[in-house]
Amino acid sequence: MNKYHSVENIRFSEQTMFITIDGQEYRYELDKISSKLASATPLERETYCISPSGYGIHWPLLDEDLSIDGLLGVRHSPMVAFGKQK
């Protein structure tokens, strides 16, 4: 399995999510990335799973998913992700 990103230290403060991706901390306003997270309880926000490949985050209590590429505004080519060059 290819590792897309290293995702760590997800935490919340009021209406903001802080997350460390590939060693760099990012800050996202919840109302801009997810209405479900913006209106979630602290328990719902803190109950999440990071995919083993670092591709995304899943909040099972909210049935919400965010892709790390989407947060970063990047896109991985499937051919590069699987070790093949076009």
PDB file of N, CA and C in Angstrom:
ATOM      1  N   MET A   1       0.846  -1.181   0.000  1.00  0.00           N
ATOM      2  CA  MET A   1       0.000   0.000   0.000  1.00  0.00           C
ATOM      3  C   MET A   1       0.890   1.243   0.000  1.00  0.00           C
ATOM      4  N   ASN A   2       0.591   2.138  -0.881  1.00  0.00           N
ATOM      5  CA  ASN A   2       1.334   3.398  -0.943  1.00  0.00           C
ATOM      6  C   ASN A   2       0.834   4.347   0.133  1.00  0.00           C
ATOM      7  N   LYS A   3       1.740   5.092   0.689  1.00  0.00           N
ATOM      8  CA  LYS A   3       1.399   6.096   1.692  1.00  0.00           C
ATOM      9  C   LYS A   3       1.299   7.446   0.994  1.00  0.00           C
ATOM     10  N   TYR A   4       0.108   8.017   1.000  1.00  0.00           N
ATOM     11  CA  TYR A   4      -0.100   9.320   0.356  1.00  0.00           C
ATOM     12  C   TYR A   4       0.382  10.449   1.246  1.00  0.00           C
ATOM     13  N   HIS A   5      -0.019  10.413   2.534  1.00  0.00           N
ATOM     14  CA  HIS A   5       0.315  11.491   3.460  1.00  0.00           C
ATOM     15  C   HIS A   5       0.500  10.923   4.860  1.00  0.00           C
ATOM     16  N   SER A   6       1.243  11.657   5.660  1.00  0.00           N
ATOM     17  CA  SER A   6       1.348  11.378   7.085  1.00  0.00           C
ATOM     18  C   SER A   6       0.417  12.368   7.777  1.00  0.00           C
ATOM     19  N   VAL A   7      -0.609  11.844   8.440  1.00  0.00           N
ATOM     20  CA  VAL A   7      -1.631  12.687   9.067  1.00  0.00           C
ATOM     21  C   VAL A   7      -1.584  12.458  10.576  1.00  0.00           C
ATOM     22  N   GLU A   8      -1.449  13.543  11.342  1.00  0.00           N
ATOM     23  CA  GLU A   8      -1.365  13.441  12.796  1.00  0.00           C
ATOM     24  C   GLU A   8      -1.986  14.665  13.456  1.00  0.00           C
ATOM     25  N   ASN A   9      -2.140  14.560  14.760  1.00  0.00           N
ATOM     26  CA  ASN A   9      -2.512  15.696  15.617  1.00  0.00           C
ATOM     27  C   ASN A   9      -3.748  16.455  15.143  1.00  0.00           C
ATOM     28  N   ILE A  10      -4.839  15.758  14.929  1.00  0.00           N
ATOM     29  CA  ILE A  10      -6.088  16.454  14.589  1.00  0.00           C
ATOM     30  C   ILE A  10      -6.700  16.945  15.888  1.00  0.00           C
ATOM     31  N   ARG A  11      -6.984  18.234  15.927  1.00  0.00           N
ATOM     32  CA  ARG A  11      -7.641  18.796  17.105  1.00  0.00           C
ATOM     33  C   ARG A  11      -8.566  19.931  16.670  1.00  0.00           C
ATOM     34  N   PHE A  12      -9.483  20.255  17.559  1.00  0.00           N
ATOM     35  CA  PHE A  12     -10.498  21.254  17.250  1.00  0.00           C
ATOM     36  C   PHE A  12     -10.520  22.341  18.309  1.00  0.00           C
ATOM     37  N   SER A  13     -10.862  23.545  17.878  1.00  0.00           N
ATOM     38  CA  SER A  13     -11.046  24.679  18.764  1.00  0.00           C
ATOM     39  C   SER A  13     -12.213  25.480  18.207  1.00  0.00           C
ATOM     40  N   GLU A  14     -13.302  25.482  18.933  1.00  0.00           N
ATOM     41  CA  GLU A  14     -14.513  26.172  18.468  1.00  0.00           C
ATOM     42  C   GLU A  14     -14.883  25.730  17.053  1.00  0.00           C
ATOM     43  N   GLN A  15     -14.704  26.575  16.069  1.00  0.00           N
ATOM     44  CA  GLN A  15     -15.081  26.268  14.689  1.00  0.00           C
ATOM     45  C   GLN A  15     -13.865  26.094  13.773  1.00  0.00           C
ATOM     46  N   THR A  16     -12.766  25.620  14.341  1.00  0.00           N
ATOM     47  CA  THR A  16     -11.528  25.448  13.584  1.00  0.00           C
ATOM     48  C   THR A  16     -10.968  24.052  13.797  1.00  0.00           C
ATOM     49  N   MET A  17     -10.433  23.447  12.731  1.00  0.00           N
ATOM     50  CA  MET A  17      -9.733  22.177  12.827  1.00  0.00           C
ATOM     51  C   MET A  17      -8.260  22.439  12.553  1.00  0.00           C
ATOM     52  N   PHE A  18      -7.408  21.920  13.418  1.00  0.00           N
ATOM     53  CA  PHE A  18      -5.963  21.985  13.248  1.00  0.00           C
ATOM     54  C   PHE A  18      -5.496  20.564  12.941  1.00  0.00           C
ATOM     55  N   ILE A  19      -4.644  20.421  11.960  1.00  0.00           N
ATOM     56  CA  ILE A  19      -4.197  19.099  11.551  1.00  0.00           C
ATOM     57  C   ILE A  19      -2.764  19.181  11.034  1.00  0.00           C
ATOM     58  N   THR A  20      -1.957  18.198  11.397  1.00  0.00           N
ATOM     59  CA  THR A  20      -0.587  18.139  10.892  1.00  0.00           C
ATOM     60  C   THR A  20      -0.548  17.131   9.749  1.00  0.00           C
ATOM     61  N   ILE A  21      -0.156  17.617   8.569  1.00  0.00           N
ATOM     62  CA  ILE A  21      -0.074  16.787   7.365  1.00  0.00           C
ATOM     63  C   ILE A  21       1.351  16.880   6.846  1.00  0.00           C
ATOM     64  N   ASP A  22       1.972  15.724   6.714  1.00  0.00           N
ATOM     65  CA  ASP A  22       3.350  15.652   6.216  1.00  0.00           C
ATOM     66  C   ASP A  22       4.287  16.599   6.983  1.00  0.00           C
ATOM     67  N   GLY A  23       4.079  16.675   8.299  1.00  0.00           N
ATOM     68  CA  GLY A  23       4.951  17.469   9.150  1.00  0.00           C
ATOM     69  C   GLY A  23       4.634  18.949   9.245  1.00  0.00           C
ATOM     70  N   GLN A  24       3.615  19.408   8.522  1.00  0.00           N
ATOM     71  CA  GLN A  24       3.252  20.828   8.543  1.00  0.00           C
ATOM     72  C   GLN A  24       1.846  20.992   9.107  1.00  0.00           C
ATOM     73  N   GLU A  25       1.661  21.962  10.009  1.00  0.00           N
ATOM     74  CA  GLU A  25       0.341  22.180  10.591  1.00  0.00           C
ATOM     75  C   GLU A  25      -0.502  23.091   9.699  1.00  0.00           C
ATOM     76  N   TYR A  26      -1.766  22.688   9.541  1.00  0.00           N
ATOM     77  CA  TYR A  26      -2.738  23.456   8.761  1.00  0.00           C
ATOM     78  C   TYR A  26      -3.917  23.783   9.664  1.00  0.00           C
ATOM     79  N   ARG A  27      -4.614  24.838   9.293  1.00  0.00           N
ATOM     80  CA  ARG A  27      -5.788  25.302  10.030  1.00  0.00           C
ATOM     81  C   ARG A  27      -6.925  25.469   9.034  1.00  0.00           C
ATOM     82  N   TYR A  28      -8.082  24.896   9.349  1.00  0.00           N
ATOM     83  CA  TYR A  28      -9.245  24.980   8.465  1.00  0.00           C
ATOM     84  C   TYR A  28     -10.466  25.426   9.252  1.00  0.00           C
ATOM     85  N   GLU A  29     -11.178  26.385   8.709  1.00  0.00           N
ATOM     86  CA  GLU A  29     -12.452  26.804   9.287  1.00  0.00           C
ATOM     87  C   GLU A  29     -13.485  25.740   8.924  1.00  0.00           C
ATOM     88  N   LEU A  30     -14.153  25.194   9.932  1.00  0.00           N
ATOM     89  CA  LEU A  30     -15.057  24.065   9.711  1.00  0.00           C
ATOM     90  C   LEU A  30     -16.200  24.387   8.763  1.00  0.00           C
ATOM     91  N   ASP A  31     -16.750  25.578   8.834  1.00  0.00           N
ATOM     92  CA  ASP A  31     -17.876  25.906   7.955  1.00  0.00           C
ATOM     93  C   ASP A  31     -17.464  25.964   6.484  1.00  0.00           C
ATOM     94  N   LYS A  32     -16.167  26.041   6.216  1.00  0.00           N
ATOM     95  CA  LYS A  32     -15.691  26.065   4.826  1.00  0.00           C
ATOM     96  C   LYS A  32     -15.372  24.671   4.297  1.00  0.00           C
ATOM     97  N   ILE A  33     -15.159  23.694   5.195  1.00  0.00           N
ATOM     98  CA  ILE A  33     -14.798  22.353   4.734  1.00  0.00           C
ATOM     99  C   ILE A  33     -15.878  21.303   4.977  1.00  0.00           C
ATOM    100  N   SER A  34     -16.756  21.518   5.969  1.00  0.00           N
ATOM    101  CA  SER A  34     -17.770  20.503   6.263  1.00  0.00           C
ATOM    102  C   SER A  34     -18.854  21.059   7.170  1.00  0.00           C
ATOM    103  N   SER A  35     -20.067  21.113   6.678  1.00  0.00           N
ATOM    104  CA  SER A  35     -21.175  21.573   7.518  1.00  0.00           C
ATOM    105  C   SER A  35     -21.452  20.575   8.640  1.00  0.00           C
ATOM    106  N   LYS A  36     -21.210  19.287   8.382  1.00  0.00           N
ATOM    107  CA  LYS A  36     -21.418  18.276   9.433  1.00  0.00           C
ATOM    108  C   LYS A  36     -20.442  18.481  10.586  1.00  0.00           C
ATOM    109  N   LEU A  37     -19.166  18.706  10.272  1.00  0.00           N
ATOM    110  CA  LEU A  37     -18.196  18.954  11.338  1.00  0.00           C
ATOM    111  C   LEU A  37     -18.466  20.277  12.044  1.00  0.00           C
ATOM    112  N   ALA A  38     -18.918  21.261  11.309  1.00  0.00           N
ATOM    113  CA  ALA A  38     -19.200  22.578  11.896  1.00  0.00           C
ATOM    114  C   ALA A  38     -20.308  22.498  12.942  1.00  0.00           C
ATOM    115  N   SER A  39     -21.278  21.611  12.739  1.00  0.00           N
ATOM    116  CA  SER A  39     -22.401  21.507  13.680  1.00  0.00           C
ATOM    117  C   SER A  39     -22.280  20.301  14.616  1.00  0.00           C
ATOM    118  N   ALA A  40     -21.164  19.605  14.584  1.00  0.00           N
ATOM    119  CA  ALA A  40     -20.976  18.401  15.388  1.00  0.00           C
ATOM    120  C   ALA A  40     -20.660  18.721  16.841  1.00  0.00           C
ATOM    121  N   THR A  41     -20.944  17.740  17.698  1.00  0.00           N
ATOM    122  CA  THR A  41     -20.568  17.846  19.110  1.00  0.00           C
ATOM    123  C   THR A  41     -19.074  17.536  19.245  1.00  0.00           C
ATOM    124  N   PRO A  42     -18.470  17.900  20.366  1.00  0.00           N
ATOM    125  CA  PRO A  42     -17.057  17.550  20.567  1.00  0.00           C
ATOM    126  C   PRO A  42     -16.804  16.037  20.443  1.00  0.00           C
ATOM    127  N   LEU A  43     -17.689  15.207  20.974  1.00  0.00           N
ATOM    128  CA  LEU A  43     -17.525  13.759  20.863  1.00  0.00           C
ATOM    129  C   LEU A  43     -17.544  13.305  19.408  1.00  0.00           C
ATOM    130  N   GLU A  44     -18.471  13.835  18.631  1.00  0.00           N
ATOM    131  CA  GLU A  44     -18.548  13.470  17.214  1.00  0.00           C
ATOM    132  C   GLU A  44     -17.285  13.895  16.463  1.00  0.00           C
ATOM    133  N   ARG A  45     -16.757  15.050  16.774  1.00  0.00           N
ATOM    134  CA  ARG A  45     -15.537  15.530  16.109  1.00  0.00           C
ATOM    135  C   ARG A  45     -14.315  14.697  16.491  1.00  0.00           C
ATOM    136  N   GLU A  46     -14.241  14.296  17.739  1.00  0.00           N
ATOM    137  CA  GLU A  46     -13.066  13.581  18.236  1.00  0.00           C
ATOM    138  C   GLU A  46     -13.079  12.087  17.906  1.00  0.00           C
ATOM    139  N   THR A  47     -14.186  11.595  17.348  1.00  0.00           N
ATOM    140  CA  THR A  47     -14.286  10.183  16.979  1.00  0.00           C
ATOM    141  C   THR A  47     -14.043  10.076  15.482  1.00  0.00           C
ATOM    142  N   TYR A  48     -12.799   9.780  15.107  1.00  0.00           N
ATOM    143  CA  TYR A  48     -12.432   9.710  13.689  1.00  0.00           C
ATOM    144  C   TYR A  48     -11.418   8.602  13.464  1.00  0.00           C
ATOM    145  N   CYS A  49     -11.247   8.224  12.204  1.00  0.00           N
ATOM    146  CA  CYS A  49     -10.256   7.235  11.782  1.00  0.00           C
ATOM    147  C   CYS A  49      -9.482   7.833  10.613  1.00  0.00           C
ATOM    148  N   ILE A  50      -8.172   7.719  10.673  1.00  0.00           N
ATOM    149  CA  ILE A  50      -7.322   8.145   9.560  1.00  0.00           C
ATOM    150  C   ILE A  50      -7.027   6.910   8.729  1.00  0.00           C
ATOM    151  N   SER A  51      -7.210   6.995   7.422  1.00  0.00           N
ATOM    152  CA  SER A  51      -6.941   5.830   6.578  1.00  0.00           C
ATOM    153  C   SER A  51      -5.462   5.460   6.682  1.00  0.00           C
ATOM    154  N   PRO A  52      -5.159   4.164   6.644  1.00  0.00           N
ATOM    155  CA  PRO A  52      -3.761   3.729   6.765  1.00  0.00           C
ATOM    156  C   PRO A  52      -2.840   4.351   5.714  1.00  0.00           C
ATOM    157  N   SER A  53      -3.372   4.643   4.544  1.00  0.00           N
ATOM    158  CA  SER A  53      -2.553   5.231   3.480  1.00  0.00           C
ATOM    159  C   SER A  53      -2.392   6.741   3.630  1.00  0.00           C
ATOM    160  N   GLY A  54      -3.135   7.331   4.590  1.00  0.00           N
ATOM    161  CA  GLY A  54      -3.085   8.776   4.753  1.00  0.00           C
ATOM    162  C   GLY A  54      -3.900   9.509   3.702  1.00  0.00           C
ATOM    163  N   TYR A  55      -4.796   8.782   3.024  1.00  0.00           N
ATOM    164  CA  TYR A  55      -5.591   9.380   1.953  1.00  0.00           C
ATOM    165  C   TYR A  55      -6.726  10.251   2.492  1.00  0.00           C
ATOM    166  N   GLY A  56      -7.307   9.846   3.646  1.00  0.00           N
ATOM    167  CA  GLY A  56      -8.448  10.600   4.138  1.00  0.00           C
ATOM    168  C   GLY A  56      -8.738  10.354   5.602  1.00  0.00           C
ATOM    169  N   ILE A  57      -9.769  11.040   6.084  1.00  0.00           N
ATOM    170  CA  ILE A  57     -10.228  10.940   7.470  1.00  0.00           C
ATOM    171  C   ILE A  57     -11.717  10.630   7.433  1.00  0.00           C
ATOM    172  N   HIS A  58     -12.148   9.713   8.313  1.00  0.00           N
ATOM    173  CA  HIS A  58     -13.560   9.327   8.385  1.00  0.00           C
ATOM    174  C   HIS A  58     -14.073   9.571   9.798  1.00  0.00           C
ATOM    175  N   TRP A  59     -15.237  10.205   9.914  1.00  0.00           N
ATOM    176  CA  TRP A  59     -15.923  10.417  11.176  1.00  0.00           C
ATOM    177  C   TRP A  59     -17.159   9.522  11.171  1.00  0.00           C
ATOM    178  N   PRO A  60     -17.089   8.338  11.799  1.00  0.00           N
ATOM    179  CA  PRO A  60     -18.191   7.376  11.726  1.00  0.00           C
ATOM    180  C   PRO A  60     -19.495   7.851  12.363  1.00  0.00           C
ATOM    181  N   LEU A  61     -19.410   8.642  13.424  1.00  0.00           N
ATOM    182  CA  LEU A  61     -20.639   9.123  14.066  1.00  0.00           C
ATOM    183  C   LEU A  61     -21.367  10.151  13.215  1.00  0.00           C
ATOM    184  N   LEU A  62     -20.662  10.744  12.271  1.00  0.00           N
ATOM    185  CA  LEU A  62     -21.256  11.759  11.390  1.00  0.00           C
ATOM    186  C   LEU A  62     -21.461  11.246   9.968  1.00  0.00           C
ATOM    187  N   ASP A  63     -20.888  10.077   9.658  1.00  0.00           N
ATOM    188  CA  ASP A  63     -20.860   9.551   8.293  1.00  0.00           C
ATOM    189  C   ASP A  63     -20.276  10.610   7.353  1.00  0.00           C
ATOM    190  N   GLU A  64     -19.119  11.133   7.747  1.00  0.00           N
ATOM    191  CA  GLU A  64     -18.449  12.197   7.011  1.00  0.00           C
ATOM    192  C   GLU A  64     -17.022  11.764   6.669  1.00  0.00           C
ATOM    193  N   ASP A  65     -16.583  12.096   5.469  1.00  0.00           N
ATOM    194  CA  ASP A  65     -15.232  11.793   5.015  1.00  0.00           C
ATOM    195  C   ASP A  65     -14.618  13.036   4.392  1.00  0.00           C
ATOM    196  N   LEU A  66     -13.336  13.255   4.658  1.00  0.00           N
ATOM    197  CA  LEU A  66     -12.582  14.326   4.001  1.00  0.00           C
ATOM    198  C   LEU A  66     -11.315  13.722   3.423  1.00  0.00           C
ATOM    199  N   SER A  67     -11.006  14.074   2.188  1.00  0.00           N
ATOM    200  CA  SER A  67      -9.749  13.618   1.601  1.00  0.00           C
ATOM    201  C   SER A  67      -8.661  14.627   1.948  1.00  0.00           C
ATOM    202  N   ILE A  68      -7.477  14.115   2.203  1.00  0.00           N
ATOM    203  CA  ILE A  68      -6.355  14.993   2.512  1.00  0.00           C
ATOM    204  C   ILE A  68      -5.971  15.796   1.275  1.00  0.00           C
ATOM    205  N   ASP A  69      -5.983  15.157   0.115  1.00  0.00           N
ATOM    206  CA  ASP A  69      -5.698  15.893  -1.116  1.00  0.00           C
ATOM    207  C   ASP A  69      -6.675  17.050  -1.299  1.00  0.00           C
ATOM    208  N   GLY A  70      -7.939  16.810  -0.991  1.00  0.00           N
ATOM    209  CA  GLY A  70      -8.943  17.870  -1.104  1.00  0.00           C
ATOM    210  C   GLY A  70      -8.653  19.030  -0.164  1.00  0.00           C
ATOM    211  N   LEU A  71      -8.258  18.712   1.070  1.00  0.00           N
ATOM    212  CA  LEU A  71      -7.906  19.773   2.019  1.00  0.00           C
ATOM    213  C   LEU A  71      -6.706  20.579   1.539  1.00  0.00           C
ATOM    214  N   LEU A  72      -5.726  19.866   0.981  1.00  0.00           N
ATOM    215  CA  LEU A  72      -4.502  20.532   0.523  1.00  0.00           C
ATOM    216  C   LEU A  72      -4.649  21.180  -0.849  1.00  0.00           C
ATOM    217  N   GLY A  73      -5.698  20.785  -1.578  1.00  0.00           N
ATOM    218  CA  GLY A  73      -5.876  21.317  -2.925  1.00  0.00           C
ATOM    219  C   GLY A  73      -4.903  20.716  -3.924  1.00  0.00           C
ATOM    220  N   VAL A  74      -4.531  19.439  -3.699  1.00  0.00           N
ATOM    221  CA  VAL A  74      -3.633  18.742  -4.616  1.00  0.00           C
ATOM    222  C   VAL A  74      -4.338  17.514  -5.178  1.00  0.00           C
ATOM    223  N   ARG A  75      -3.734  16.964  -6.196  1.00  0.00           N
ATOM    224  CA  ARG A  75      -4.315  15.774  -6.806  1.00  0.00           C
ATOM    225  C   ARG A  75      -3.177  14.822  -7.161  1.00  0.00           C
ATOM    226  N   HIS A  76      -3.312  13.565  -6.737  1.00  0.00           N
ATOM    227  CA  HIS A  76      -2.326  12.544  -7.081  1.00  0.00           C
ATOM    228  C   HIS A  76      -2.763  11.824  -8.344  1.00  0.00           C
ATOM    229  N   SER A  77      -1.845  11.620  -9.238  1.00  0.00           N
ATOM    230  CA  SER A  77      -2.121  10.829 -10.430  1.00  0.00           C
ATOM    231  C   SER A  77      -2.137   9.361 -10.032  1.00  0.00           C
ATOM    232  N   PRO A  78      -3.158   8.585 -10.436  1.00  0.00           N
ATOM    233  CA  PRO A  78      -3.186   7.158 -10.097  1.00  0.00           C
ATOM    234  C   PRO A  78      -1.948   6.423 -10.588  1.00  0.00           C
ATOM    235  N   MET A  79      -1.406   6.800 -11.724  1.00  0.00           N
ATOM    236  CA  MET A  79      -0.230   6.123 -12.247  1.00  0.00           C
ATOM    237  C   MET A  79       0.996   6.396 -11.369  1.00  0.00           C
ATOM    238  N   VAL A  80       1.133   7.600 -10.856  1.00  0.00           N
ATOM    239  CA  VAL A  80       2.258   7.929  -9.981  1.00  0.00           C
ATOM    240  C   VAL A  80       2.054   7.271  -8.614  1.00  0.00           C
ATOM    241  N   ALA A  81       0.811   7.265  -8.131  1.00  0.00           N
ATOM    242  CA  ALA A  81       0.521   6.699  -6.824  1.00  0.00           C
ATOM    243  C   ALA A  81       0.863   5.211  -6.786  1.00  0.00           C
ATOM    244  N   PHE A  82       0.758   4.523  -7.885  1.00  0.00           N
ATOM    245  CA  PHE A  82       1.045   3.097  -7.896  1.00  0.00           C
ATOM    246  C   PHE A  82       2.438   2.794  -8.422  1.00  0.00           C
ATOM    247  N   GLY A  83       3.306   3.801  -8.408  1.00  0.00           N
ATOM    248  CA  GLY A  83       4.698   3.589  -8.748  1.00  0.00           C
ATOM    249  C   GLY A  83       4.988   3.508 -10.240  1.00  0.00           C
ATOM    250  N   LYS A  84       4.038   3.932 -11.058  1.00  0.00           N
ATOM    251  CA  LYS A  84       4.231   3.911 -12.495  1.00  0.00           C
ATOM    252  C   LYS A  84       4.240   5.330 -13.018  1.00  0.00           C
ATOM    253  N   GLN A  85       5.073   5.603 -13.942  1.00  0.00           N
ATOM    254  CA  GLN A  85       5.109   6.926 -14.579  1.00  0.00           C
ATOM    255  C   GLN A  85       4.449   6.833 -15.933  1.00  0.00           C
ATOM    256  N   LYS A  86       3.759   7.880 -16.319  1.00  0.00           N
ATOM    257  CA  LYS A  86       3.138   7.922 -17.657  1.00  0.00           C
ATOM    258  C   LYS A  86       4.180   8.148 -18.700  1.00  0.00           C
TER     259      LYS A  86
END
